[in-house]
């Protein structure tokens, strides 16, 4: 499988978000770091080097309408804890030099993301952060091997341990 929720293989690079959405945002995982890009523009808006990333987390909505301003109003009215609103599709990082919080939004694909894939992707980012291997996310071959093993896992707490094992077992 070449995708896990909003994370997908596009050509020879892993991308978070929909790079085809007109005027949309996405993140490209490169050897140097996370490139925050706007669709249709040649240069990245920002590059976050892997050497600065201490911890990585992702927020993901199930459907694209959940990442709109209108959904943010629904979240407020319903007092929901769900990821809704403009920041519902975003990547967050704790960075060093200087220490700070960093985040970047991405555009949701037209397809829905499954609950299992959202859960597994968050666990994958957590496991990679804890193992201090965030830089490996920029290695397309390594990430492909990891995603292939993580994507079919069940949506259960037992998957936490399995994902940690996968992350540490795939050759560096």
N, C-alpha and C. Protein backbone atom coordinates (compact mmCIF):
# COMPACT_ATOMS: atom_id res chain seq x y z
N UNK A 1 0.86 -1.18 0.00
CA UNK A 1 0.00 0.00 0.00
C UNK A 1 0.90 1.24 0.00
N UNK A 2 0.55 2.22 -0.80
CA UNK A 2 1.39 3.40 -0.92
C UNK A 2 0.75 4.65 -0.32
N UNK A 3 -0.14 4.46 0.67
CA UNK A 3 -0.70 5.60 1.38
C UNK A 3 -1.20 5.19 2.76
N UNK A 4 -1.26 6.21 3.60
CA UNK A 4 -1.75 6.03 4.97
C UNK A 4 -2.44 7.33 5.34
N UNK A 5 -3.77 7.37 5.15
CA UNK A 5 -4.52 8.61 5.36
C UNK A 5 -4.04 9.67 4.38
N UNK A 6 -3.63 10.85 4.88
CA UNK A 6 -3.19 11.93 4.00
C UNK A 6 -1.76 11.75 3.48
N UNK A 7 -1.03 10.77 4.01
CA UNK A 7 0.34 10.49 3.59
C UNK A 7 0.31 9.56 2.39
N UNK A 8 0.90 9.99 1.29
CA UNK A 8 0.89 9.16 0.10
C UNK A 8 2.14 9.33 -0.74
N UNK A 9 2.44 8.31 -1.51
CA UNK A 9 3.59 8.33 -2.40
C UNK A 9 3.18 8.99 -3.72
N UNK A 10 3.87 10.08 -4.06
CA UNK A 10 3.62 10.80 -5.31
C UNK A 10 4.94 10.78 -6.07
N UNK A 11 4.97 9.98 -7.13
CA UNK A 11 6.23 9.80 -7.86
C UNK A 11 7.20 9.04 -6.97
N UNK A 12 8.32 9.67 -6.66
CA UNK A 12 9.31 9.02 -5.79
C UNK A 12 9.42 9.70 -4.42
N UNK A 13 8.44 10.54 -4.09
CA UNK A 13 8.47 11.26 -2.80
C UNK A 13 7.17 11.04 -2.03
N UNK A 14 7.29 11.04 -0.72
CA UNK A 14 6.13 10.95 0.15
C UNK A 14 5.62 12.35 0.42
N UNK A 15 4.30 12.50 0.33
CA UNK A 15 3.65 13.80 0.45
C UNK A 15 2.50 13.69 1.45
N UNK A 16 2.33 14.72 2.26
CA UNK A 16 1.18 14.82 3.16
C UNK A 16 0.24 15.85 2.57
N UNK A 17 -0.98 15.44 2.28
CA UNK A 17 -1.96 16.33 1.68
C UNK A 17 -2.09 16.11 0.19
N UNK A 18 -2.97 16.88 -0.42
CA UNK A 18 -3.28 16.73 -1.83
C UNK A 18 -2.50 17.74 -2.68
N UNK A 19 -1.43 17.30 -3.36
CA UNK A 19 -0.64 18.22 -4.16
C UNK A 19 -1.35 18.65 -5.45
N UNK A 20 -2.45 18.01 -5.79
CA UNK A 20 -3.18 18.31 -7.02
C UNK A 20 -4.27 19.36 -6.81
N UNK A 21 -4.62 19.64 -5.57
CA UNK A 21 -5.70 20.58 -5.29
C UNK A 21 -5.25 21.99 -5.64
N UNK A 22 -6.00 22.64 -6.52
CA UNK A 22 -5.64 23.98 -6.99
C UNK A 22 -5.60 24.97 -5.83
N UNK A 23 -4.46 25.65 -5.68
CA UNK A 23 -4.29 26.62 -4.59
C UNK A 23 -4.14 25.98 -3.23
N UNK A 24 -4.02 24.66 -3.20
CA UNK A 24 -3.92 23.94 -1.94
C UNK A 24 -2.51 23.89 -1.39
N UNK A 25 -2.39 23.37 -0.20
CA UNK A 25 -1.10 23.24 0.48
C UNK A 25 -0.80 21.77 0.71
N UNK A 26 0.47 21.43 0.73
CA UNK A 26 0.89 20.06 1.04
C UNK A 26 2.31 20.11 1.58
N UNK A 27 2.75 19.01 2.15
CA UNK A 27 4.11 18.89 2.66
C UNK A 27 4.81 17.75 1.95
N UNK A 28 6.03 18.01 1.51
CA UNK A 28 6.84 16.99 0.85
C UNK A 28 7.93 16.58 1.84
N UNK A 29 8.07 15.27 2.06
CA UNK A 29 9.09 14.76 2.96
C UNK A 29 10.34 14.49 2.14
N UNK A 30 11.35 15.34 2.29
CA UNK A 30 12.59 15.23 1.52
C UNK A 30 13.72 14.82 2.44
N UNK A 31 14.86 14.51 1.87
CA UNK A 31 16.04 14.14 2.67
C UNK A 31 16.46 15.30 3.58
N UNK A 32 16.22 16.54 3.14
CA UNK A 32 16.63 17.70 3.92
C UNK A 32 15.64 18.03 5.04
N UNK A 33 14.36 17.78 4.81
CA UNK A 33 13.35 18.11 5.82
C UNK A 33 11.96 18.16 5.23
N UNK A 34 11.07 18.81 5.96
CA UNK A 34 9.68 18.98 5.53
C UNK A 34 9.57 20.24 4.69
N UNK A 35 9.18 20.08 3.43
CA UNK A 35 8.96 21.23 2.56
C UNK A 35 7.47 21.54 2.56
N UNK A 36 7.10 22.73 3.01
CA UNK A 36 5.72 23.17 2.96
C UNK A 36 5.52 23.86 1.62
N UNK A 37 4.58 23.35 0.82
CA UNK A 37 4.42 23.84 -0.55
C UNK A 37 2.98 24.24 -0.85
N UNK A 38 2.86 25.16 -1.78
CA UNK A 38 1.56 25.50 -2.33
C UNK A 38 1.50 24.86 -3.71
N UNK A 39 0.39 24.21 -4.03
CA UNK A 39 0.26 23.53 -5.32
C UNK A 39 0.46 24.51 -6.46
N UNK A 40 1.25 24.07 -7.43
CA UNK A 40 1.48 24.88 -8.61
C UNK A 40 2.63 25.87 -8.52
N UNK A 41 3.29 25.95 -7.38
CA UNK A 41 4.42 26.86 -7.24
C UNK A 41 5.71 26.05 -7.20
N UNK A 42 6.77 26.55 -7.85
CA UNK A 42 8.01 25.76 -7.94
C UNK A 42 8.82 25.72 -6.65
N UNK A 43 8.77 26.76 -5.86
CA UNK A 43 9.58 26.84 -4.64
C UNK A 43 8.75 26.55 -3.41
N UNK A 44 9.35 25.91 -2.40
CA UNK A 44 8.61 25.69 -1.15
C UNK A 44 8.36 27.01 -0.42
N UNK A 45 7.26 27.06 0.32
CA UNK A 45 6.97 28.21 1.16
C UNK A 45 7.94 28.26 2.33
N UNK A 46 8.31 27.06 2.78
CA UNK A 46 9.19 26.93 3.95
C UNK A 46 9.83 25.55 3.94
N UNK A 47 11.03 25.47 4.50
CA UNK A 47 11.70 24.19 4.69
C UNK A 47 12.04 24.06 6.17
N UNK A 48 11.54 23.01 6.79
CA UNK A 48 11.88 22.71 8.18
C UNK A 48 12.89 21.57 8.16
N UNK A 49 14.16 21.84 8.48
CA UNK A 49 15.18 20.78 8.46
C UNK A 49 14.90 19.71 9.53
N UNK A 50 15.17 18.47 9.18
CA UNK A 50 14.96 17.37 10.13
C UNK A 50 15.79 17.58 11.40
N UNK A 51 16.94 18.21 11.28
CA UNK A 51 17.81 18.41 12.44
C UNK A 51 17.15 19.27 13.52
N UNK A 52 16.15 20.04 13.17
CA UNK A 52 15.44 20.87 14.15
C UNK A 52 14.26 20.15 14.79
N UNK A 53 13.78 19.09 14.17
CA UNK A 53 12.56 18.42 14.63
C UNK A 53 12.85 17.50 15.81
N UNK A 54 12.18 17.79 16.93
CA UNK A 54 12.31 16.94 18.11
C UNK A 54 11.11 16.01 18.26
N UNK A 55 9.94 16.52 17.91
CA UNK A 55 8.71 15.76 18.06
C UNK A 55 7.78 16.16 16.92
N UNK A 56 7.07 15.18 16.38
CA UNK A 56 6.21 15.42 15.23
C UNK A 56 4.84 14.83 15.50
N UNK A 57 3.80 15.58 15.12
CA UNK A 57 2.42 15.13 15.31
C UNK A 57 1.61 15.58 14.10
N UNK A 58 0.53 14.89 13.85
CA UNK A 58 -0.33 15.24 12.71
C UNK A 58 -1.78 15.26 13.16
N UNK A 59 -2.51 16.23 12.65
CA UNK A 59 -3.96 16.30 12.85
C UNK A 59 -4.59 16.04 11.50
N UNK A 60 -5.65 15.24 11.51
CA UNK A 60 -6.28 14.85 10.25
C UNK A 60 -7.79 14.71 10.44
N UNK A 61 -8.53 15.33 9.55
CA UNK A 61 -9.99 15.20 9.53
C UNK A 61 -10.35 14.02 8.62
N UNK A 62 -11.49 13.43 8.86
CA UNK A 62 -11.93 12.29 8.04
C UNK A 62 -12.31 12.71 6.62
N UNK A 63 -13.09 13.78 6.49
CA UNK A 63 -13.57 14.25 5.20
C UNK A 63 -13.10 15.67 4.96
N UNK A 64 -13.02 16.07 3.70
CA UNK A 64 -12.49 17.40 3.38
C UNK A 64 -13.35 18.54 3.93
N UNK A 65 -14.67 18.36 4.04
CA UNK A 65 -15.53 19.43 4.56
C UNK A 65 -15.22 19.73 6.04
N UNK A 66 -14.62 18.76 6.72
CA UNK A 66 -14.30 18.94 8.14
C UNK A 66 -13.13 19.91 8.36
N UNK A 67 -12.42 20.24 7.29
CA UNK A 67 -11.27 21.14 7.39
C UNK A 67 -11.62 22.54 6.87
N UNK A 68 -12.88 22.94 7.01
CA UNK A 68 -13.32 24.25 6.55
C UNK A 68 -13.65 25.16 7.73
N UNK A 69 -13.80 26.44 7.45
CA UNK A 69 -14.18 27.39 8.51
C UNK A 69 -15.55 27.06 9.08
N UNK A 70 -16.46 26.61 8.21
CA UNK A 70 -17.80 26.23 8.68
C UNK A 70 -17.76 25.10 9.70
N UNK A 71 -16.85 24.17 9.50
CA UNK A 71 -16.71 23.06 10.46
C UNK A 71 -16.20 23.57 11.79
N UNK A 72 -15.40 24.62 11.78
CA UNK A 72 -14.90 25.21 13.03
C UNK A 72 -16.06 25.76 13.85
N UNK A 73 -17.05 26.35 13.16
CA UNK A 73 -18.23 26.87 13.85
C UNK A 73 -19.00 25.70 14.46
N UNK A 74 -19.14 24.61 13.69
CA UNK A 74 -19.83 23.43 14.20
C UNK A 74 -19.12 22.88 15.43
N UNK A 75 -17.79 22.88 15.40
CA UNK A 75 -17.01 22.40 16.55
C UNK A 75 -17.31 23.24 17.78
N UNK A 76 -17.35 24.54 17.60
CA UNK A 76 -17.62 25.45 18.72
C UNK A 76 -19.04 25.24 19.25
N UNK A 77 -20.02 25.17 18.35
CA UNK A 77 -21.42 25.01 18.75
C UNK A 77 -21.63 23.68 19.47
N UNK A 78 -21.05 22.62 18.93
CA UNK A 78 -21.24 21.28 19.49
C UNK A 78 -20.27 20.97 20.63
N UNK A 79 -19.30 21.86 20.85
CA UNK A 79 -18.26 21.62 21.86
C UNK A 79 -17.59 20.27 21.62
N UNK A 80 -17.30 20.02 20.35
CA UNK A 80 -16.72 18.75 19.93
C UNK A 80 -15.21 18.75 20.12
N UNK A 81 -14.65 17.57 20.38
CA UNK A 81 -13.21 17.40 20.49
C UNK A 81 -12.60 16.91 19.17
N UNK A 82 -13.44 16.71 18.17
CA UNK A 82 -12.98 16.21 16.87
C UNK A 82 -12.10 17.26 16.19
N UNK A 83 -11.22 16.80 15.30
CA UNK A 83 -10.42 17.72 14.49
C UNK A 83 -11.31 18.33 13.42
N UNK A 84 -11.72 19.57 13.66
CA UNK A 84 -12.57 20.31 12.73
C UNK A 84 -12.00 21.70 12.55
N UNK A 85 -12.25 22.31 11.40
CA UNK A 85 -11.80 23.67 11.15
C UNK A 85 -10.55 23.71 10.29
N UNK A 86 -10.05 24.93 10.07
CA UNK A 86 -8.92 25.12 9.16
C UNK A 86 -7.66 24.41 9.60
N UNK A 87 -7.47 24.21 10.90
CA UNK A 87 -6.27 23.52 11.38
C UNK A 87 -6.47 22.02 11.54
N UNK A 88 -7.61 21.50 11.09
CA UNK A 88 -7.90 20.08 11.24
C UNK A 88 -6.95 19.22 10.41
N UNK A 89 -6.38 19.79 9.38
CA UNK A 89 -5.39 19.08 8.56
C UNK A 89 -4.08 19.85 8.69
N UNK A 90 -3.27 19.45 9.66
CA UNK A 90 -2.02 20.16 9.90
C UNK A 90 -0.99 19.24 10.54
N UNK A 91 0.27 19.61 10.33
CA UNK A 91 1.38 18.90 10.93
C UNK A 91 2.00 19.83 11.96
N UNK A 92 2.28 19.28 13.14
CA UNK A 92 2.85 20.07 14.24
C UNK A 92 4.20 19.48 14.62
N UNK A 93 5.11 20.36 14.99
CA UNK A 93 6.43 19.89 15.42
C UNK A 93 6.91 20.74 16.59
N UNK A 94 7.62 20.10 17.48
CA UNK A 94 8.39 20.80 18.50
C UNK A 94 9.80 20.87 17.92
N UNK A 95 10.31 22.08 17.75
CA UNK A 95 11.61 22.26 17.11
C UNK A 95 12.62 22.87 18.07
N UNK A 96 13.89 22.71 17.72
CA UNK A 96 14.98 23.26 18.53
C UNK A 96 15.74 24.32 17.74
N UNK A 97 16.51 25.09 18.48
CA UNK A 97 17.41 26.14 17.93
C UNK A 97 16.70 27.17 17.11
N UNK A 98 15.89 28.02 17.62
CA UNK A 98 15.42 28.08 19.00
C UNK A 98 14.25 27.11 19.22
N UNK A 99 13.99 26.80 20.48
CA UNK A 99 12.88 25.92 20.82
C UNK A 99 11.58 26.64 20.54
N UNK A 100 10.70 25.98 19.82
CA UNK A 100 9.46 26.61 19.43
C UNK A 100 8.48 25.56 18.93
N UNK A 101 7.23 25.97 18.80
CA UNK A 101 6.22 25.13 18.16
C UNK A 101 6.13 25.55 16.71
N UNK A 102 6.03 24.59 15.81
CA UNK A 102 5.93 24.85 14.38
C UNK A 102 4.72 24.09 13.88
N UNK A 103 4.00 24.69 12.94
CA UNK A 103 2.93 23.92 12.31
C UNK A 103 2.72 24.41 10.88
N UNK A 104 2.16 23.52 10.08
CA UNK A 104 1.84 23.83 8.69
C UNK A 104 0.56 23.10 8.31
N UNK A 105 -0.31 23.78 7.61
CA UNK A 105 -1.56 23.17 7.13
C UNK A 105 -1.33 22.45 5.80
N UNK A 106 -2.20 21.50 5.53
CA UNK A 106 -2.20 20.83 4.23
C UNK A 106 -3.64 20.65 3.78
N UNK A 107 -3.82 20.47 2.48
CA UNK A 107 -5.16 20.31 1.90
C UNK A 107 -5.57 18.84 1.94
N UNK A 108 -6.80 18.62 2.32
CA UNK A 108 -7.38 17.27 2.38
C UNK A 108 -7.62 16.76 0.97
N UNK A 109 -7.43 15.48 0.75
CA UNK A 109 -7.78 14.86 -0.53
C UNK A 109 -9.31 14.83 -0.66
N UNK A 110 -9.79 14.61 -1.85
CA UNK A 110 -11.25 14.48 -2.05
C UNK A 110 -11.78 13.22 -1.39
N UNK A 111 -10.94 12.19 -1.31
CA UNK A 111 -11.36 10.94 -0.68
C UNK A 111 -11.35 11.09 0.84
N UNK A 112 -12.15 10.28 1.50
CA UNK A 112 -12.15 10.27 2.97
C UNK A 112 -10.98 9.44 3.47
N UNK A 113 -10.49 9.77 4.65
CA UNK A 113 -9.46 8.98 5.31
C UNK A 113 -10.15 8.09 6.34
N UNK A 114 -9.72 6.84 6.40
CA UNK A 114 -10.36 5.93 7.35
C UNK A 114 -9.89 6.23 8.77
N UNK A 115 -10.72 5.88 9.70
CA UNK A 115 -10.37 6.05 11.13
C UNK A 115 -9.10 5.27 11.46
N UNK A 116 -8.98 4.07 10.92
CA UNK A 116 -7.80 3.25 11.18
C UNK A 116 -6.54 3.93 10.67
N UNK A 117 -6.57 4.47 9.46
CA UNK A 117 -5.38 5.11 8.91
C UNK A 117 -5.00 6.38 9.66
N UNK A 118 -5.99 7.14 10.09
CA UNK A 118 -5.71 8.34 10.90
C UNK A 118 -5.03 7.93 12.19
N UNK A 119 -5.58 6.94 12.85
CA UNK A 119 -5.03 6.43 14.11
C UNK A 119 -3.61 5.91 13.92
N UNK A 120 -3.41 5.10 12.88
CA UNK A 120 -2.09 4.51 12.64
C UNK A 120 -1.05 5.55 12.25
N UNK A 121 -1.43 6.55 11.48
CA UNK A 121 -0.49 7.60 11.09
C UNK A 121 -0.04 8.40 12.31
N UNK A 122 -0.96 8.72 13.18
CA UNK A 122 -0.59 9.45 14.41
C UNK A 122 0.36 8.60 15.26
N UNK A 123 0.08 7.31 15.35
CA UNK A 123 0.97 6.42 16.11
C UNK A 123 2.34 6.31 15.45
N UNK A 124 2.37 6.29 14.12
CA UNK A 124 3.64 6.23 13.40
C UNK A 124 4.48 7.47 13.68
N UNK A 125 3.88 8.65 13.60
CA UNK A 125 4.62 9.88 13.89
C UNK A 125 5.13 9.89 15.33
N UNK A 126 4.30 9.40 16.24
CA UNK A 126 4.70 9.32 17.65
C UNK A 126 5.88 8.37 17.82
N UNK A 127 5.81 7.20 17.21
CA UNK A 127 6.88 6.20 17.34
C UNK A 127 8.19 6.71 16.72
N UNK A 128 8.11 7.35 15.57
CA UNK A 128 9.30 7.89 14.92
C UNK A 128 9.92 8.99 15.78
N UNK A 129 9.09 9.82 16.37
CA UNK A 129 9.59 10.89 17.26
C UNK A 129 10.27 10.31 18.49
N UNK A 130 9.63 9.34 19.13
CA UNK A 130 10.20 8.74 20.34
C UNK A 130 11.51 8.02 20.06
N UNK A 131 11.63 7.43 18.88
CA UNK A 131 12.85 6.72 18.50
C UNK A 131 13.93 7.68 17.98
N UNK A 132 13.58 8.98 17.91
CA UNK A 132 14.51 10.00 17.40
C UNK A 132 14.93 9.70 15.97
N UNK A 133 13.95 9.27 15.17
CA UNK A 133 14.20 8.91 13.77
C UNK A 133 13.38 9.76 12.80
N UNK A 134 13.01 10.98 13.20
CA UNK A 134 12.18 11.79 12.31
C UNK A 134 12.85 12.01 10.96
N UNK A 135 14.17 12.09 10.93
CA UNK A 135 14.89 12.28 9.67
C UNK A 135 14.66 11.13 8.68
N UNK A 136 14.31 9.94 9.20
CA UNK A 136 14.06 8.79 8.31
C UNK A 136 12.80 8.97 7.48
N UNK A 137 11.91 9.88 7.91
CA UNK A 137 10.70 10.15 7.12
C UNK A 137 11.06 10.73 5.75
N UNK A 138 12.26 11.31 5.62
CA UNK A 138 12.72 11.85 4.35
C UNK A 138 13.35 10.81 3.44
N UNK A 139 13.46 9.58 3.90
CA UNK A 139 13.99 8.47 3.11
C UNK A 139 12.81 7.71 2.53
N UNK A 140 12.51 7.95 1.26
CA UNK A 140 11.32 7.39 0.62
C UNK A 140 11.28 5.86 0.68
N UNK A 141 12.41 5.23 0.53
CA UNK A 141 12.46 3.76 0.55
C UNK A 141 12.14 3.23 1.95
N UNK A 142 12.77 3.84 2.96
CA UNK A 142 12.52 3.44 4.35
C UNK A 142 11.06 3.65 4.72
N UNK A 143 10.52 4.84 4.41
CA UNK A 143 9.14 5.15 4.75
C UNK A 143 8.19 4.22 4.01
N UNK A 144 8.50 3.88 2.77
CA UNK A 144 7.66 2.95 2.02
C UNK A 144 7.59 1.58 2.68
N UNK A 145 8.74 1.11 3.16
CA UNK A 145 8.78 -0.19 3.85
C UNK A 145 7.97 -0.15 5.15
N UNK A 146 8.04 0.97 5.86
CA UNK A 146 7.30 1.12 7.12
C UNK A 146 5.80 1.20 6.84
N UNK A 147 5.39 2.05 5.89
CA UNK A 147 3.97 2.22 5.58
C UNK A 147 3.36 0.91 5.11
N UNK A 148 4.10 0.14 4.33
CA UNK A 148 3.61 -1.14 3.84
C UNK A 148 3.23 -2.08 4.99
N UNK A 149 3.98 -2.00 6.08
CA UNK A 149 3.71 -2.87 7.23
C UNK A 149 2.67 -2.27 8.19
N UNK A 150 2.63 -0.94 8.28
CA UNK A 150 1.73 -0.27 9.22
C UNK A 150 0.30 -0.20 8.69
N UNK A 151 0.12 0.09 7.39
CA UNK A 151 -1.21 0.33 6.82
C UNK A 151 -2.22 -0.80 7.08
N UNK A 152 -1.84 -2.06 7.02
CA UNK A 152 -2.85 -3.11 7.25
C UNK A 152 -3.13 -3.43 8.73
N UNK A 153 -2.44 -2.77 9.66
CA UNK A 153 -2.64 -3.08 11.08
C UNK A 153 -4.05 -2.70 11.51
N UNK A 154 -4.56 -3.37 12.54
CA UNK A 154 -5.91 -3.05 13.03
C UNK A 154 -5.91 -1.76 13.86
N UNK A 155 -7.09 -1.19 13.99
CA UNK A 155 -7.30 0.02 14.77
C UNK A 155 -7.49 -0.39 16.23
N UNK A 156 -6.36 -0.75 16.87
CA UNK A 156 -6.40 -1.20 18.28
C UNK A 156 -5.18 -0.65 19.00
N UNK A 157 -5.28 -0.54 20.29
CA UNK A 157 -4.16 -0.06 21.10
C UNK A 157 -2.95 -1.00 20.98
N UNK A 158 -3.17 -2.25 20.68
CA UNK A 158 -2.05 -3.19 20.54
C UNK A 158 -1.15 -2.80 19.36
N UNK A 159 -1.68 -1.98 18.45
CA UNK A 159 -0.90 -1.54 17.30
C UNK A 159 0.24 -0.61 17.71
N UNK A 160 0.13 0.03 18.87
CA UNK A 160 1.18 0.94 19.35
C UNK A 160 2.50 0.20 19.44
N UNK A 161 2.50 -0.92 20.13
CA UNK A 161 3.72 -1.70 20.30
C UNK A 161 4.23 -2.21 18.96
N UNK A 162 3.32 -2.67 18.12
CA UNK A 162 3.72 -3.21 16.82
C UNK A 162 4.37 -2.14 15.94
N UNK A 163 3.83 -0.94 15.96
CA UNK A 163 4.41 0.15 15.15
C UNK A 163 5.80 0.50 15.67
N UNK A 164 5.99 0.52 16.97
CA UNK A 164 7.32 0.77 17.53
C UNK A 164 8.30 -0.29 17.07
N UNK A 165 7.85 -1.54 17.05
CA UNK A 165 8.71 -2.63 16.59
C UNK A 165 9.06 -2.47 15.11
N UNK A 166 8.09 -2.09 14.30
CA UNK A 166 8.31 -1.91 12.87
C UNK A 166 9.33 -0.79 12.64
N UNK A 167 9.13 0.34 13.31
CA UNK A 167 10.02 1.49 13.13
C UNK A 167 11.45 1.14 13.49
N UNK A 168 11.64 0.37 14.57
CA UNK A 168 13.00 0.03 14.98
C UNK A 168 13.58 -1.14 14.16
N UNK A 169 12.72 -1.94 13.53
CA UNK A 169 13.21 -3.11 12.79
C UNK A 169 13.59 -2.82 11.34
N UNK A 170 12.95 -1.82 10.75
CA UNK A 170 13.28 -1.53 9.34
C UNK A 170 14.69 -0.95 9.31
N UNK A 171 15.57 -1.53 8.51
CA UNK A 171 16.98 -1.11 8.49
C UNK A 171 17.15 0.38 8.22
N UNK A 172 18.07 0.97 8.97
CA UNK A 172 18.35 2.40 8.86
C UNK A 172 19.38 2.64 7.80
